[in-house]
């Protein structure tokens, strides 16, 4: 059975609440057993022209996928699709400071490693590696400082949110959009009742 057909077959079994005895579902095979640890959180206030989001924290999940997974980019895409954050692209991260006023964003690190700066100029440096996931609430400044040659990211957003790339101070309308932007009732890593649903709802 090919990888693609196995994935489809396992999806069908999962939708029926079934699994093959002695065989884990495909989506679980690449999961790191240690990935149940709570995410790191970072709450960012406005920094120069970058609005950030002082109500919703950045979430950093470490080692969501095992390092020896067969196709981590596809695994991240499947997971994000399943948890209600449809994947949109595979690439690296822009090397310039930017933020999104119209969408929340999740980044799945499929391969390699990088240093990111979150929060705008002179912000917070965060090291990410293959298997990690970073959830950025709308308004959060981010850029890539450096990365390995094999650095690859899967980007995803909540349904019906159109991503923009902002590189200047937000207008009053953009600030209002950031504050009022809805977010799904599902964590992109853990699904319903995952950490995001508690950490963002209570923010």
N, C-alpha and C. Protein backbone atom coordinates (compact mmCIF):
# COMPACT_ATOMS: atom_id res chain seq x y z
N UNK A 1 0.85 -1.19 0.00
CA UNK A 1 0.00 0.00 0.00
C UNK A 1 0.89 1.24 0.00
N UNK A 2 0.67 2.16 -0.90
CA UNK A 2 1.50 3.37 -0.96
C UNK A 2 1.22 4.25 0.23
N UNK A 3 2.15 5.23 0.46
CA UNK A 3 1.97 6.15 1.58
C UNK A 3 0.67 6.92 1.45
N UNK A 4 0.34 7.36 0.22
CA UNK A 4 -0.86 8.15 0.02
C UNK A 4 -2.10 7.33 0.27
N UNK A 5 -2.16 6.11 -0.28
CA UNK A 5 -3.34 5.30 -0.08
C UNK A 5 -3.48 4.88 1.37
N UNK A 6 -2.35 4.63 2.06
CA UNK A 6 -2.41 4.29 3.47
C UNK A 6 -2.99 5.44 4.28
N UNK A 7 -2.57 6.67 3.92
CA UNK A 7 -3.08 7.85 4.63
C UNK A 7 -4.59 7.97 4.44
N UNK A 8 -5.05 7.79 3.20
CA UNK A 8 -6.49 7.87 2.95
C UNK A 8 -7.25 6.77 3.67
N UNK A 9 -6.66 5.56 3.65
CA UNK A 9 -7.31 4.44 4.32
C UNK A 9 -7.42 4.69 5.82
N UNK A 10 -6.34 5.20 6.43
CA UNK A 10 -6.35 5.47 7.86
C UNK A 10 -7.32 6.59 8.21
N UNK A 11 -7.43 7.59 7.31
CA UNK A 11 -8.42 8.64 7.55
C UNK A 11 -9.83 8.07 7.62
N UNK A 12 -10.12 7.13 6.68
CA UNK A 12 -11.43 6.50 6.65
C UNK A 12 -11.68 5.73 7.94
N UNK A 13 -10.66 4.99 8.39
CA UNK A 13 -10.80 4.25 9.64
C UNK A 13 -11.01 5.18 10.82
N UNK A 14 -10.24 6.29 10.84
CA UNK A 14 -10.36 7.23 11.94
C UNK A 14 -11.75 7.85 11.99
N UNK A 15 -12.31 8.17 10.80
CA UNK A 15 -13.65 8.77 10.78
C UNK A 15 -14.71 7.82 11.30
N UNK A 16 -14.42 6.52 11.21
CA UNK A 16 -15.35 5.50 11.72
C UNK A 16 -15.03 5.08 13.15
N UNK A 17 -13.96 5.67 13.71
CA UNK A 17 -13.55 5.30 15.06
C UNK A 17 -12.88 3.96 15.12
N UNK A 18 -12.27 3.52 14.00
CA UNK A 18 -11.65 2.20 13.91
C UNK A 18 -10.17 2.33 13.66
N UNK A 19 -9.44 1.27 13.93
CA UNK A 19 -8.02 1.20 13.61
C UNK A 19 -7.64 -0.27 13.42
N UNK A 20 -6.60 -0.51 12.66
CA UNK A 20 -6.14 -1.88 12.46
C UNK A 20 -5.45 -2.36 13.72
N UNK A 21 -5.81 -3.51 14.29
CA UNK A 21 -5.17 -3.99 15.51
C UNK A 21 -3.66 -4.05 15.35
N UNK A 22 -2.95 -3.51 16.33
CA UNK A 22 -1.50 -3.55 16.33
C UNK A 22 -0.85 -2.53 15.43
N UNK A 23 -1.66 -1.67 14.75
CA UNK A 23 -1.09 -0.67 13.84
C UNK A 23 -1.64 0.70 14.19
N UNK A 24 -0.76 1.67 14.44
CA UNK A 24 -1.20 3.02 14.76
C UNK A 24 -1.70 3.71 13.51
N UNK A 25 -2.58 4.70 13.69
CA UNK A 25 -3.00 5.50 12.56
C UNK A 25 -1.81 6.24 11.99
N UNK A 26 -1.83 6.51 10.68
CA UNK A 26 -0.70 7.15 10.01
C UNK A 26 -0.32 8.45 10.67
N UNK A 27 -1.33 9.28 11.03
CA UNK A 27 -1.02 10.59 11.60
C UNK A 27 -0.28 10.48 12.91
N UNK A 28 -0.43 9.35 13.58
CA UNK A 28 0.23 9.20 14.88
C UNK A 28 1.64 8.65 14.75
N UNK A 29 1.99 8.08 13.61
CA UNK A 29 3.28 7.41 13.50
C UNK A 29 4.44 8.39 13.58
N UNK A 30 4.21 9.65 13.16
CA UNK A 30 5.28 10.63 13.16
C UNK A 30 5.25 11.52 14.39
N UNK A 31 4.37 11.22 15.32
CA UNK A 31 4.24 12.06 16.51
C UNK A 31 5.29 11.71 17.55
N UNK A 32 5.88 12.73 18.12
CA UNK A 32 6.86 12.53 19.18
C UNK A 32 6.11 12.27 20.48
N UNK A 33 6.37 11.16 21.19
CA UNK A 33 5.69 10.90 22.46
C UNK A 33 5.85 12.02 23.47
N UNK A 34 6.93 12.81 23.35
CA UNK A 34 7.16 13.90 24.30
C UNK A 34 6.40 15.17 23.93
N UNK A 35 5.63 15.15 22.82
CA UNK A 35 4.99 16.36 22.33
C UNK A 35 3.76 16.77 23.13
N UNK A 36 3.41 16.01 24.16
CA UNK A 36 2.25 16.37 24.98
C UNK A 36 2.59 17.46 25.99
N UNK A 37 3.84 17.90 26.03
CA UNK A 37 4.23 18.97 26.95
C UNK A 37 3.50 20.26 26.56
N UNK A 38 3.14 21.09 27.56
CA UNK A 38 2.45 22.34 27.24
C UNK A 38 3.36 23.27 26.44
N UNK A 39 2.77 24.15 25.64
CA UNK A 39 3.60 25.04 24.83
C UNK A 39 4.26 26.13 25.67
N UNK A 40 5.38 26.62 25.16
CA UNK A 40 5.96 27.83 25.72
C UNK A 40 5.09 29.00 25.28
N UNK A 41 4.94 30.01 26.14
CA UNK A 41 4.10 31.16 25.80
C UNK A 41 4.91 32.45 25.88
N UNK A 42 4.55 33.38 25.02
CA UNK A 42 5.23 34.67 24.97
C UNK A 42 4.19 35.74 24.64
N UNK A 43 3.94 36.65 25.58
CA UNK A 43 2.98 37.72 25.36
C UNK A 43 3.75 38.99 25.01
N UNK A 44 3.45 39.55 23.85
CA UNK A 44 4.21 40.67 23.32
C UNK A 44 3.36 41.94 23.26
N UNK A 45 3.90 43.03 23.74
CA UNK A 45 3.23 44.33 23.64
C UNK A 45 3.77 45.08 22.43
N UNK A 46 3.17 46.20 22.11
CA UNK A 46 3.58 46.96 20.92
C UNK A 46 5.06 47.33 21.01
N UNK A 47 5.72 47.27 19.85
CA UNK A 47 7.15 47.55 19.77
C UNK A 47 7.39 48.43 18.55
N UNK A 48 7.64 49.71 18.78
CA UNK A 48 7.87 50.64 17.67
C UNK A 48 6.66 50.58 16.73
N UNK A 49 6.85 50.26 15.45
CA UNK A 49 5.75 50.24 14.49
C UNK A 49 5.01 48.90 14.45
N UNK A 50 5.53 47.91 15.16
CA UNK A 50 4.92 46.57 15.14
C UNK A 50 3.88 46.47 16.25
N UNK A 51 2.62 46.20 15.91
CA UNK A 51 1.57 46.20 16.94
C UNK A 51 1.67 45.05 17.92
N UNK A 52 2.10 43.88 17.45
CA UNK A 52 2.07 42.65 18.24
C UNK A 52 0.65 42.40 18.75
N UNK A 53 0.51 41.58 19.77
CA UNK A 53 -0.83 41.27 20.29
C UNK A 53 -0.71 41.08 21.80
N UNK A 54 -1.16 42.08 22.55
CA UNK A 54 -1.00 42.02 24.00
C UNK A 54 -2.15 41.29 24.70
N UNK A 55 -3.00 40.63 23.92
CA UNK A 55 -4.09 39.83 24.50
C UNK A 55 -3.89 38.34 24.29
N UNK A 56 -3.29 37.97 23.16
CA UNK A 56 -3.12 36.56 22.82
C UNK A 56 -1.64 36.22 22.77
N UNK A 57 -1.18 35.24 23.52
CA UNK A 57 0.24 34.90 23.53
C UNK A 57 0.67 34.09 22.32
N UNK A 58 1.92 34.26 21.92
CA UNK A 58 2.56 33.35 20.98
C UNK A 58 2.71 32.00 21.68
N UNK A 59 2.49 30.92 20.94
CA UNK A 59 2.65 29.57 21.48
C UNK A 59 3.75 28.85 20.71
N UNK A 60 4.68 28.22 21.43
CA UNK A 60 5.76 27.46 20.80
C UNK A 60 5.71 26.03 21.33
N UNK A 61 5.36 25.09 20.47
CA UNK A 61 5.33 23.67 20.82
C UNK A 61 6.64 23.04 20.36
N UNK A 62 7.28 22.33 21.25
CA UNK A 62 8.56 21.69 20.93
C UNK A 62 8.37 20.22 20.58
N UNK A 63 9.04 19.79 19.51
CA UNK A 63 9.08 18.37 19.17
C UNK A 63 7.73 17.73 18.92
N UNK A 64 6.86 18.43 18.20
CA UNK A 64 5.54 17.86 17.92
C UNK A 64 5.67 16.60 17.07
N UNK A 65 6.55 16.65 16.08
CA UNK A 65 6.81 15.47 15.24
C UNK A 65 8.18 14.91 15.57
N UNK A 66 8.29 13.59 15.52
CA UNK A 66 9.57 12.93 15.76
C UNK A 66 10.55 13.28 14.65
N UNK A 67 11.81 13.37 15.00
CA UNK A 67 12.84 13.77 14.04
C UNK A 67 13.00 12.77 12.91
N UNK A 68 12.61 11.52 13.12
CA UNK A 68 12.81 10.49 12.10
C UNK A 68 11.54 10.23 11.29
N UNK A 69 10.60 11.16 11.28
CA UNK A 69 9.38 11.00 10.50
C UNK A 69 9.69 10.93 9.02
N UNK A 70 8.89 10.20 8.24
CA UNK A 70 9.18 10.00 6.83
C UNK A 70 8.93 11.22 5.96
N UNK A 71 7.83 11.93 6.18
CA UNK A 71 7.47 13.09 5.36
C UNK A 71 6.85 14.14 6.26
N UNK A 72 7.68 14.86 7.03
CA UNK A 72 7.14 15.77 8.03
C UNK A 72 6.30 16.90 7.45
N UNK A 73 6.63 17.40 6.26
CA UNK A 73 5.82 18.47 5.68
C UNK A 73 4.39 17.97 5.43
N UNK A 74 4.27 16.78 4.84
CA UNK A 74 2.95 16.20 4.61
C UNK A 74 2.25 15.89 5.93
N UNK A 75 3.01 15.44 6.93
CA UNK A 75 2.41 15.15 8.23
C UNK A 75 1.85 16.42 8.87
N UNK A 76 2.61 17.52 8.79
CA UNK A 76 2.10 18.78 9.33
C UNK A 76 0.85 19.23 8.56
N UNK A 77 0.87 19.12 7.25
CA UNK A 77 -0.29 19.53 6.46
C UNK A 77 -1.52 18.72 6.85
N UNK A 78 -1.33 17.43 7.02
CA UNK A 78 -2.45 16.57 7.41
C UNK A 78 -2.96 16.94 8.80
N UNK A 79 -2.07 17.18 9.73
CA UNK A 79 -2.48 17.53 11.09
C UNK A 79 -3.21 18.87 11.11
N UNK A 80 -2.65 19.88 10.44
CA UNK A 80 -3.28 21.19 10.45
C UNK A 80 -4.66 21.14 9.79
N UNK A 81 -4.77 20.38 8.70
CA UNK A 81 -6.07 20.23 8.05
C UNK A 81 -7.07 19.59 9.00
N UNK A 82 -6.63 18.58 9.71
CA UNK A 82 -7.51 17.85 10.62
C UNK A 82 -7.93 18.70 11.81
N UNK A 83 -7.08 19.62 12.25
CA UNK A 83 -7.39 20.43 13.42
C UNK A 83 -8.04 21.77 13.07
N UNK A 84 -8.38 21.96 11.80
CA UNK A 84 -9.12 23.16 11.43
C UNK A 84 -8.29 24.36 11.06
N UNK A 85 -7.01 24.14 10.71
CA UNK A 85 -6.12 25.22 10.25
C UNK A 85 -5.60 24.81 8.87
N UNK A 86 -6.34 25.06 7.81
CA UNK A 86 -5.94 24.57 6.48
C UNK A 86 -4.55 25.07 6.06
N UNK A 87 -3.66 24.17 5.65
CA UNK A 87 -2.31 24.59 5.22
C UNK A 87 -2.39 25.35 3.90
N UNK A 88 -1.48 26.34 3.74
CA UNK A 88 -1.50 27.18 2.53
C UNK A 88 -0.19 27.16 1.77
N UNK A 89 0.94 26.91 2.45
CA UNK A 89 2.21 27.01 1.74
C UNK A 89 3.31 26.19 2.41
N UNK A 90 4.35 25.93 1.59
CA UNK A 90 5.62 25.36 2.07
C UNK A 90 6.72 26.30 1.60
N UNK A 91 7.52 26.80 2.51
CA UNK A 91 8.61 27.74 2.15
C UNK A 91 9.44 27.98 3.39
N UNK A 92 10.29 29.00 3.35
CA UNK A 92 10.97 29.47 4.55
C UNK A 92 10.17 30.67 5.08
N UNK A 93 10.78 31.48 5.92
CA UNK A 93 10.11 32.66 6.49
C UNK A 93 10.81 33.91 5.98
N UNK A 94 10.06 34.95 5.71
CA UNK A 94 10.66 36.18 5.20
C UNK A 94 11.77 36.67 6.14
N UNK A 95 12.79 37.25 5.53
CA UNK A 95 13.92 37.76 6.31
C UNK A 95 13.72 39.19 6.79
N UNK A 96 12.56 39.77 6.52
CA UNK A 96 12.26 41.12 6.98
C UNK A 96 11.13 41.09 8.01
N UNK A 97 11.11 42.08 8.89
CA UNK A 97 10.05 42.17 9.89
C UNK A 97 8.70 42.38 9.20
N UNK A 98 7.71 41.63 9.61
CA UNK A 98 6.36 41.81 9.08
C UNK A 98 5.37 41.21 10.08
N UNK A 99 4.11 41.51 9.87
CA UNK A 99 3.04 40.93 10.70
C UNK A 99 1.80 40.79 9.83
N UNK A 100 0.82 40.10 10.35
CA UNK A 100 -0.44 39.91 9.64
C UNK A 100 -1.57 40.54 10.46
N UNK A 101 -2.34 41.42 9.83
CA UNK A 101 -3.44 42.06 10.56
C UNK A 101 -4.76 41.34 10.35
N UNK A 102 -4.80 40.42 9.39
CA UNK A 102 -6.08 39.81 9.02
C UNK A 102 -6.11 38.30 9.22
N UNK A 103 -5.09 37.73 9.85
CA UNK A 103 -5.06 36.28 10.04
C UNK A 103 -4.11 35.91 11.17
N UNK A 104 -4.50 34.87 11.92
CA UNK A 104 -3.58 34.19 12.82
C UNK A 104 -2.81 33.18 11.97
N UNK A 105 -1.62 32.80 12.43
CA UNK A 105 -0.76 31.95 11.61
C UNK A 105 -0.13 30.84 12.46
N UNK A 106 -0.03 29.65 11.86
CA UNK A 106 0.71 28.57 12.50
C UNK A 106 1.82 28.14 11.56
N UNK A 107 3.01 27.93 12.12
CA UNK A 107 4.19 27.54 11.37
C UNK A 107 4.67 26.18 11.87
N UNK A 108 4.67 25.19 11.00
CA UNK A 108 5.19 23.87 11.34
C UNK A 108 6.58 23.71 10.75
N UNK A 109 7.58 23.51 11.59
CA UNK A 109 8.96 23.40 11.11
C UNK A 109 9.18 21.98 10.62
N UNK A 110 9.19 21.81 9.29
CA UNK A 110 9.26 20.47 8.71
C UNK A 110 10.68 19.93 8.66
N UNK A 111 11.67 20.80 8.44
CA UNK A 111 13.05 20.34 8.41
C UNK A 111 13.99 21.50 8.70
N UNK A 112 15.21 21.17 9.11
CA UNK A 112 16.21 22.19 9.39
C UNK A 112 15.96 22.92 10.70
N UNK A 113 16.62 24.04 10.84
CA UNK A 113 16.47 24.86 12.05
C UNK A 113 16.70 26.32 11.68
N UNK A 114 16.28 27.22 12.57
CA UNK A 114 16.42 28.65 12.29
C UNK A 114 16.35 29.44 13.57
N UNK A 115 16.86 30.64 13.49
CA UNK A 115 16.66 31.65 14.53
C UNK A 115 15.64 32.63 14.02
N UNK A 116 14.58 32.82 14.78
CA UNK A 116 13.53 33.77 14.44
C UNK A 116 13.57 34.93 15.41
N UNK A 117 13.17 36.10 14.95
CA UNK A 117 12.96 37.21 15.85
C UNK A 117 11.47 37.51 15.89
N UNK A 118 10.90 37.46 17.06
CA UNK A 118 9.48 37.73 17.25
C UNK A 118 9.29 39.06 17.96
N UNK A 119 8.31 39.83 17.52
CA UNK A 119 7.99 41.07 18.22
C UNK A 119 8.50 42.32 17.58
N UNK A 120 9.18 42.22 16.42
CA UNK A 120 9.68 43.40 15.75
C UNK A 120 11.14 43.67 16.07
N UNK A 121 11.66 44.84 15.62
CA UNK A 121 13.07 45.18 15.82
C UNK A 121 13.49 45.06 17.29
N UNK A 122 14.64 44.43 17.50
CA UNK A 122 15.15 44.21 18.87
C UNK A 122 14.16 43.41 19.71
N UNK A 123 13.45 42.51 19.07
CA UNK A 123 12.46 41.70 19.79
C UNK A 123 13.07 40.48 20.46
N UNK A 124 12.31 39.39 20.49
CA UNK A 124 12.73 38.17 21.18
C UNK A 124 13.26 37.16 20.16
N UNK A 125 14.47 36.66 20.38
CA UNK A 125 15.04 35.64 19.51
C UNK A 125 14.61 34.26 19.98
N UNK A 126 14.09 33.47 19.04
CA UNK A 126 13.60 32.13 19.34
C UNK A 126 14.24 31.15 18.38
N UNK A 127 14.82 30.08 18.90
CA UNK A 127 15.41 29.02 18.08
C UNK A 127 14.36 27.96 17.83
N UNK A 128 14.18 27.58 16.57
CA UNK A 128 13.23 26.52 16.23
C UNK A 128 13.94 25.44 15.43
N UNK A 129 13.45 24.21 15.58
CA UNK A 129 14.05 23.06 14.89
C UNK A 129 12.95 22.17 14.33
N UNK A 130 13.36 21.25 13.48
CA UNK A 130 12.41 20.33 12.85
C UNK A 130 11.52 19.68 13.91
N UNK A 131 10.22 19.69 13.66
CA UNK A 131 9.25 19.11 14.58
C UNK A 131 8.55 20.13 15.45
N UNK A 132 9.09 21.35 15.53
CA UNK A 132 8.48 22.40 16.36
C UNK A 132 7.31 23.06 15.63
N UNK A 133 6.44 23.69 16.41
CA UNK A 133 5.31 24.44 15.87
C UNK A 133 5.23 25.78 16.58
N UNK A 134 5.04 26.86 15.81
CA UNK A 134 4.91 28.20 16.37
C UNK A 134 3.55 28.77 15.94
N UNK A 135 2.76 29.21 16.91
CA UNK A 135 1.46 29.82 16.62
C UNK A 135 1.56 31.31 16.90
N UNK A 136 1.30 32.11 15.86
CA UNK A 136 1.44 33.56 15.94
C UNK A 136 0.06 34.22 15.86
N UNK A 137 -0.39 34.86 16.94
CA UNK A 137 -1.65 35.61 16.84
C UNK A 137 -1.47 36.80 15.92
N UNK A 138 -2.56 37.26 15.33
CA UNK A 138 -2.53 38.41 14.43
C UNK A 138 -1.81 39.58 15.09
N UNK A 139 -1.00 40.28 14.30
CA UNK A 139 -0.28 41.44 14.79
C UNK A 139 1.14 41.15 15.24
N UNK A 140 1.48 39.88 15.38
CA UNK A 140 2.81 39.50 15.90
C UNK A 140 3.90 39.71 14.84
N UNK A 141 4.87 40.55 15.15
CA UNK A 141 6.00 40.73 14.26
C UNK A 141 6.88 39.50 14.24
N UNK A 142 7.38 39.15 13.06
CA UNK A 142 8.27 38.00 12.96
C UNK A 142 9.14 38.12 11.71
N UNK A 143 10.31 37.52 11.79
CA UNK A 143 11.23 37.44 10.66
C UNK A 143 12.23 36.32 10.93
N UNK A 144 12.86 35.85 9.88
CA UNK A 144 13.93 34.86 10.00
C UNK A 144 15.27 35.59 10.07
N UNK A 145 16.05 35.27 11.10
CA UNK A 145 17.38 35.85 11.23
C UNK A 145 18.43 35.02 10.51
N UNK A 146 18.37 33.72 10.68
CA UNK A 146 19.31 32.81 10.04
C UNK A 146 18.68 31.42 10.02
N UNK A 147 19.17 30.58 9.11
CA UNK A 147 18.60 29.23 9.03
C UNK A 147 19.58 28.30 8.33
N UNK A 148 19.35 27.01 8.50
CA UNK A 148 20.12 26.00 7.78
C UNK A 148 19.58 25.90 6.34
N UNK A 149 20.38 25.31 5.47
CA UNK A 149 20.00 25.24 4.06
C UNK A 149 18.74 24.42 3.84
N UNK A 150 18.45 23.48 4.74
CA UNK A 150 17.29 22.62 4.55
C UNK A 150 16.06 23.10 5.31
N UNK A 151 16.08 24.34 5.78
CA UNK A 151 14.96 24.87 6.55
C UNK A 151 13.70 24.92 5.70
N UNK A 152 12.63 24.28 6.17
CA UNK A 152 11.36 24.23 5.46
C UNK A 152 10.22 24.36 6.46
N UNK A 153 9.26 25.21 6.12
CA UNK A 153 8.14 25.50 7.01
C UNK A 153 6.83 25.25 6.28
N UNK A 154 5.85 24.72 7.00
CA UNK A 154 4.48 24.61 6.51
C UNK A 154 3.67 25.70 7.20
N UNK A 155 3.04 26.58 6.42
CA UNK A 155 2.23 27.66 6.98
C UNK A 155 0.75 27.38 6.82
N UNK A 156 -0.03 27.71 7.85
CA UNK A 156 -1.47 27.47 7.82
C UNK A 156 -2.19 28.59 8.57
N UNK A 157 -3.48 28.73 8.27
CA UNK A 157 -4.30 29.80 8.85
C UNK A 157 -5.70 29.27 9.13
N UNK A 158 -6.44 29.93 10.00
CA UNK A 158 -7.84 29.52 10.19
C UNK A 158 -8.64 29.68 8.90
N UNK A 159 -9.70 28.92 8.76
CA UNK A 159 -10.52 29.03 7.55
C UNK A 159 -11.06 30.45 7.37
N UNK A 160 -11.16 30.87 6.13
CA UNK A 160 -11.78 32.16 5.76
C UNK A 160 -10.98 33.38 6.20
N UNK A 161 -9.75 33.19 6.64
CA UNK A 161 -8.90 34.34 6.95
C UNK A 161 -7.89 34.53 5.82
N UNK A 162 -7.88 35.72 5.25
CA UNK A 162 -6.99 36.04 4.12
C UNK A 162 -5.76 36.75 4.68
N UNK A 163 -4.61 36.16 4.48
CA UNK A 163 -3.39 36.69 5.08
C UNK A 163 -2.88 37.89 4.30
N UNK A 164 -2.42 38.91 5.02
CA UNK A 164 -1.75 40.06 4.44
C UNK A 164 -0.34 40.12 5.02
N UNK A 165 0.55 40.88 4.39
CA UNK A 165 1.91 41.06 4.89
C UNK A 165 2.13 42.55 5.13
N UNK A 166 2.16 42.94 6.39
CA UNK A 166 2.26 44.35 6.76
C UNK A 166 3.68 44.69 7.19
N UNK A 167 4.21 45.79 6.66
CA UNK A 167 5.58 46.18 6.96
C UNK A 167 5.66 47.62 7.45
N UNK A 168 4.54 48.16 7.92
CA UNK A 168 4.52 49.51 8.47
C UNK A 168 3.50 49.56 9.59
N UNK A 169 3.46 50.66 10.31
CA UNK A 169 2.56 50.79 11.45
C UNK A 169 1.11 50.61 11.02
N UNK A 170 0.31 49.97 11.84
CA UNK A 170 -1.08 49.71 11.46
C UNK A 170 -1.94 50.95 11.54
N UNK A 171 -2.92 51.02 10.68
CA UNK A 171 -3.93 52.07 10.76
C UNK A 171 -4.88 51.74 11.91
N UNK A 172 -5.70 52.69 12.33
CA UNK A 172 -6.70 52.38 13.36
C UNK A 172 -7.61 51.21 12.96
N UNK A 173 -7.95 51.14 11.67
CA UNK A 173 -8.81 50.04 11.21
C UNK A 173 -8.09 48.70 11.32
N UNK A 174 -6.78 48.69 11.00
CA UNK A 174 -6.02 47.45 11.12
C UNK A 174 -5.89 47.02 12.58
N UNK A 175 -5.68 47.96 13.47
CA UNK A 175 -5.60 47.63 14.90
C UNK A 175 -6.92 47.03 15.38
N UNK A 176 -8.02 47.59 14.93
CA UNK A 176 -9.32 47.05 15.32
C UNK A 176 -9.50 45.63 14.77
N UNK A 177 -9.02 45.41 13.54
CA UNK A 177 -9.10 44.08 12.94
C UNK A 177 -8.32 43.07 13.76
N UNK A 178 -7.13 43.46 14.20
CA UNK A 178 -6.29 42.57 15.00
C UNK A 178 -7.00 42.20 16.30
N UNK A 179 -7.57 43.20 16.96
CA UNK A 179 -8.23 42.96 18.26
C UNK A 179 -9.48 42.10 18.13
N UNK A 180 -10.20 42.27 17.04
CA UNK A 180 -11.50 41.62 16.91
C UNK A 180 -11.47 40.35 16.06
N UNK A 181 -10.31 40.00 15.52
CA UNK A 181 -10.24 38.84 14.63
C UNK A 181 -10.61 37.57 15.38
N UNK A 182 -11.58 36.83 14.89
CA UNK A 182 -11.94 35.58 15.57
C UNK A 182 -10.87 34.51 15.37
N UNK A 183 -10.88 33.53 16.23
CA UNK A 183 -9.96 32.40 16.06
C UNK A 183 -10.75 31.11 16.26
N UNK A 184 -10.29 30.03 15.62
CA UNK A 184 -11.05 28.79 15.69
C UNK A 184 -11.02 28.19 17.09
N UNK A 185 -12.02 27.37 17.36
CA UNK A 185 -12.09 26.73 18.67
C UNK A 185 -11.29 25.44 18.68
N UNK A 186 -10.18 25.43 17.94
CA UNK A 186 -9.35 24.24 17.84
C UNK A 186 -7.89 24.63 17.85
N UNK A 187 -7.10 23.89 18.60
CA UNK A 187 -5.66 24.08 18.65
C UNK A 187 -5.05 23.42 17.41
N UNK A 188 -4.13 24.08 16.68
CA UNK A 188 -3.59 23.48 15.47
C UNK A 188 -2.75 22.23 15.70
N UNK A 189 -2.29 22.03 16.93
CA UNK A 189 -1.51 20.84 17.26
C UNK A 189 -2.38 19.75 17.87
N UNK A 190 -3.16 20.12 18.88
CA UNK A 190 -3.89 19.14 19.67
C UNK A 190 -5.37 19.05 19.34
N UNK A 191 -5.88 19.94 18.51
CA UNK A 191 -7.29 19.88 18.16
C UNK A 191 -8.18 20.51 19.22
N UNK A 192 -9.42 20.09 19.26
CA UNK A 192 -10.39 20.65 20.21
C UNK A 192 -9.93 20.39 21.64
N UNK A 193 -10.13 21.38 22.49
CA UNK A 193 -9.72 21.34 23.90
C UNK A 193 -8.21 21.32 24.07
N UNK A 194 -7.46 21.66 23.01
CA UNK A 194 -6.01 21.78 23.14
C UNK A 194 -5.64 23.05 23.87
N UNK A 195 -4.35 23.25 24.15
CA UNK A 195 -3.91 24.40 24.94
C UNK A 195 -4.37 25.75 24.41
N UNK A 196 -4.36 25.95 23.09
CA UNK A 196 -4.76 27.25 22.54
C UNK A 196 -6.17 27.62 22.96
N UNK A 197 -7.07 26.65 22.99
CA UNK A 197 -8.47 26.96 23.29
C UNK A 197 -8.64 27.49 24.71
N UNK A 198 -7.68 27.16 25.58
CA UNK A 198 -7.74 27.67 26.96
C UNK A 198 -6.91 28.94 27.10
N UNK A 199 -5.70 28.93 26.52
CA UNK A 199 -4.80 30.06 26.68
C UNK A 199 -5.30 31.30 25.95
N UNK A 200 -5.92 31.12 24.79
CA UNK A 200 -6.43 32.27 24.04
C UNK A 200 -7.82 32.68 24.54
N UNK A 201 -8.67 31.74 24.88
CA UNK A 201 -10.00 32.10 25.36
C UNK A 201 -9.92 32.90 26.65
N UNK A 202 -8.95 32.57 27.49
CA UNK A 202 -8.86 33.24 28.80
C UNK A 202 -8.01 34.50 28.76
N UNK A 203 -7.42 34.79 27.59
CA UNK A 203 -6.54 35.95 27.49
C UNK A 203 -7.32 37.26 27.50
